[in-house]
Amino acid sequence: MRAILLALICVACAATAQEPTGVHDFDFLVGDWQVHHRRLKERLAGSTEWIEFDGTQSTRLALDGAGNVSDNWFDIPGNAYRGVSVRAFDAKSRLWAIWWLDGRDPIRALDPPLKGRFENAGTFFADDTFNGRPIRVRYIWSQITPTSAHWEQAFSPDGGRTWETNWISDFSRRTAHE
């Protein structure tokens, strides 16, 4: 009985001594990726027409590992562009914040950050505007493996009661010889 009690105490001590979860949630994204994108042609307009295109993403750690930066290339026919994702983890709130910088308008003010965490999947929310009307924005990171990941963006015009998924990206890790 004493051995069982000591074992339980050791397990509890080990669990509390581990580094807080969260700060390494996006470590899977570090490196170079080939990305296949699908984006609705028109958002929040009842569109069912999707535009498909490829791109790349290269992600590096920042903030001594508590953040990262992704350089994105979107090879949209006739409208290719770059963008940058910046992510930072706040140890106090245990939330990630995600900002987007669009290369087509690099001096525009940054959108409000999406904030959230990983619990089964990574889910992040922000209040924003689209075409002059208030919306809720959601990102979901899921299906994460060492060589692949899935990302979706959705907008809600009604405070989160309904969602329109308008951008889907599937990531495949690039190998050294690509």
Protein backbone atom coordinates (compact mmCIF):
# COMPACT_ATOMS: atom_id res chain seq x y z
CA MET A 1 0.00 0.00 0.00
CA ARG A 2 2.83 2.38 0.91
CA ALA A 3 4.53 1.69 -2.47
CA ILE A 4 1.29 2.54 -4.31
CA LEU A 5 0.92 5.78 -2.35
CA LEU A 6 4.53 6.77 -3.11
CA ALA A 7 4.02 5.96 -6.79
CA LEU A 8 0.90 8.17 -6.89
CA ILE A 9 2.78 11.03 -5.21
CA CYS A 10 5.63 10.68 -7.75
CA VAL A 11 3.17 10.77 -10.66
CA ALA A 12 1.49 13.89 -9.23
CA CYS A 13 4.87 15.59 -8.69
CA ALA A 14 6.02 14.76 -12.20
CA ALA A 15 2.78 16.13 -13.67
CA THR A 16 3.17 19.46 -11.85
CA ALA A 17 6.89 19.71 -12.69
CA GLN A 18 6.33 19.50 -16.45
CA GLU A 19 6.52 22.61 -18.58
CA PRO A 20 3.09 24.22 -18.98
CA THR A 21 1.17 22.96 -21.98
CA GLY A 22 0.53 25.43 -24.73
CA VAL A 23 3.87 27.05 -25.48
CA HIS A 24 4.81 24.22 -27.84
CA ASP A 25 1.41 23.82 -29.52
CA PHE A 26 2.57 25.30 -32.82
CA ASP A 27 5.97 23.57 -32.89
CA PHE A 28 4.52 21.13 -35.45
CA LEU A 29 4.35 24.02 -37.94
CA VAL A 30 8.06 24.87 -37.85
CA GLY A 31 9.70 24.13 -41.19
CA ASP A 32 8.72 24.25 -44.84
CA TRP A 33 5.35 23.21 -46.23
CA GLN A 34 3.61 22.74 -49.55
CA VAL A 35 0.01 23.90 -49.16
CA HIS A 36 -3.11 23.22 -51.22
CA HIS A 37 -5.76 25.92 -50.70
CA ARG A 38 -9.48 26.09 -51.44
CA ARG A 39 -11.16 29.46 -51.00
CA LEU A 40 -14.75 30.48 -51.61
CA LYS A 41 -14.95 32.83 -54.58
CA GLU A 42 -17.19 35.17 -52.56
CA ARG A 43 -17.51 35.22 -48.79
CA LEU A 44 -20.79 35.66 -46.91
CA ALA A 45 -22.63 35.90 -50.23
CA GLY A 46 -24.11 32.40 -50.47
CA SER A 47 -21.36 31.33 -52.87
CA THR A 48 -20.65 27.64 -53.41
CA GLU A 49 -17.90 28.21 -56.01
CA TRP A 50 -14.42 27.37 -54.76
CA ILE A 51 -11.09 28.58 -56.16
CA GLU A 52 -8.24 26.06 -55.76
CA PHE A 53 -4.56 26.94 -55.82
CA ASP A 54 -1.25 25.92 -54.29
CA GLY A 55 1.26 27.74 -52.18
CA THR A 56 4.05 27.37 -49.67
CA GLN A 57 4.61 28.24 -46.05
CA SER A 58 7.87 28.53 -44.15
CA THR A 59 7.62 28.84 -40.35
CA ARG A 60 10.34 29.74 -37.87
CA LEU A 61 10.29 30.05 -34.08
CA ALA A 62 10.40 33.50 -32.47
CA LEU A 63 10.26 34.95 -28.96
CA ASP A 64 12.57 32.25 -27.59
CA GLY A 65 10.06 29.58 -28.66
CA ALA A 66 6.92 31.30 -27.32
CA GLY A 67 6.00 32.49 -30.80
CA ASN A 68 6.54 31.90 -34.48
CA VAL A 69 6.37 33.62 -37.84
CA SER A 70 5.12 32.07 -41.09
CA ASP A 71 5.98 33.43 -44.52
CA ASN A 72 3.19 32.42 -46.93
CA TRP A 73 3.10 32.33 -50.74
CA PHE A 74 -0.34 32.04 -52.37
CA ASP A 75 -0.05 31.11 -56.06
CA ILE A 76 -3.51 32.34 -57.08
CA PRO A 77 -3.61 32.55 -60.90
CA GLY A 78 -3.38 36.21 -61.89
CA ASN A 79 -3.25 37.39 -58.28
CA ALA A 80 -0.33 35.68 -56.50
CA TYR A 81 0.71 37.33 -53.24
CA ARG A 82 2.53 36.88 -49.93
CA GLY A 83 1.36 37.18 -46.36
CA VAL A 84 2.81 36.74 -42.91
CA SER A 85 1.24 35.02 -39.88
CA VAL A 86 2.59 36.01 -36.47
CA ARG A 87 1.70 33.86 -33.46
CA ALA A 88 2.54 34.45 -29.78
CA PHE A 89 1.74 32.47 -26.64
CA ASP A 90 0.79 34.25 -23.42
CA ALA A 91 1.74 32.09 -20.42
CA LYS A 92 -0.59 34.00 -18.06
CA SER A 93 -3.80 33.50 -20.03
CA ARG A 94 -2.53 30.28 -21.67
CA LEU A 95 -3.84 31.63 -24.98
CA TRP A 96 -2.25 32.00 -28.38
CA ALA A 97 -2.78 35.19 -30.38
CA ILE A 98 -2.55 35.16 -34.19
CA TRP A 99 -2.10 38.21 -36.39
CA TRP A 100 -2.16 38.45 -40.19
CA LEU A 101 -0.13 40.83 -42.37
CA ASP A 102 -1.29 40.87 -46.00
CA GLY A 103 1.42 41.60 -48.57
CA ARG A 104 -1.13 43.24 -50.90
CA ASP A 105 -1.64 46.06 -48.36
CA PRO A 106 1.35 45.88 -45.99
CA ILE A 107 0.82 49.28 -44.32
CA ARG A 108 -2.81 48.62 -43.39
CA ALA A 109 -3.45 48.25 -39.67
CA LEU A 110 -3.30 44.66 -38.46
CA ASP A 111 -6.61 42.91 -37.95
CA PRO A 112 -7.58 42.08 -34.37
CA PRO A 113 -5.72 38.95 -33.24
CA LEU A 114 -7.51 35.64 -33.12
CA LYS A 115 -7.10 34.10 -29.68
CA GLY A 116 -7.46 30.52 -28.55
CA ARG A 117 -5.80 27.26 -27.61
CA PHE A 118 -5.40 23.62 -28.54
CA GLU A 119 -7.86 21.13 -27.04
CA ASN A 120 -8.15 18.19 -29.46
CA ALA A 121 -7.83 20.80 -32.23
CA GLY A 122 -6.58 24.37 -32.18
CA THR A 123 -9.54 26.77 -32.19
CA PHE A 124 -9.10 30.55 -32.37
CA PHE A 125 -11.64 33.41 -32.51
CA ALA A 126 -11.76 37.16 -33.14
CA ASP A 127 -14.33 39.84 -33.66
CA ASP A 128 -13.72 41.75 -36.89
CA THR A 129 -15.53 43.39 -39.79
CA PHE A 130 -16.06 42.22 -43.35
CA ASN A 131 -17.38 44.56 -46.04
CA GLY A 132 -18.30 47.02 -43.30
CA ARG A 133 -20.33 44.65 -41.14
CA PRO A 134 -19.33 42.98 -37.88
CA ILE A 135 -18.36 39.31 -38.05
CA ARG A 136 -16.83 36.64 -35.87
CA VAL A 137 -13.77 34.88 -37.35
CA ARG A 138 -12.71 31.32 -36.49
CA TYR A 139 -9.55 29.36 -37.33
CA ILE A 140 -9.34 25.63 -36.69
CA TRP A 141 -6.09 23.62 -36.86
CA SER A 142 -6.73 19.85 -36.98
CA GLN A 143 -5.53 16.53 -38.39
CA ILE A 144 -1.98 17.36 -37.27
CA THR A 145 0.72 14.77 -37.94
CA PRO A 146 4.50 15.14 -38.34
CA THR A 147 4.03 15.50 -42.13
CA SER A 148 0.58 17.07 -42.55
CA ALA A 149 -1.97 19.45 -41.07
CA HIS A 150 -5.37 20.91 -41.92
CA TRP A 151 -6.51 24.53 -41.41
CA GLU A 152 -9.91 26.16 -41.90
CA GLN A 153 -11.16 29.73 -41.68
CA ALA A 154 -14.84 30.52 -41.16
CA PHE A 155 -16.88 33.69 -40.76
CA SER A 156 -20.06 34.16 -38.74
CA PRO A 157 -22.31 37.15 -39.44
CA ASP A 158 -24.56 36.32 -36.45
CA GLY A 159 -22.24 36.23 -33.45
CA GLY A 160 -21.24 32.59 -33.83
CA ARG A 161 -24.66 30.94 -34.23
CA THR A 162 -23.87 29.92 -37.81
CA TRP A 163 -20.53 29.63 -39.63
CA GLU A 164 -19.50 29.77 -43.28
CA THR A 165 -16.20 27.98 -43.89
CA ASN A 166 -14.55 30.08 -46.61
CA TRP A 167 -10.91 28.93 -46.73
CA ILE A 168 -9.45 25.43 -46.34
CA SER A 169 -5.73 24.61 -46.45
CA ASP A 170 -4.07 21.21 -46.42
CA PHE A 171 -0.37 21.17 -45.50
CA SER A 172 2.24 18.63 -46.59
CA ARG A 173 5.76 18.87 -45.19
CA ARG A 174 8.38 19.60 -47.84
CA THR A 175 11.38 17.34 -47.95
CA ALA A 176 14.96 18.59 -48.12
CA HIS A 177 15.26 17.86 -51.86
CA GLU A 178 12.11 19.76 -52.89
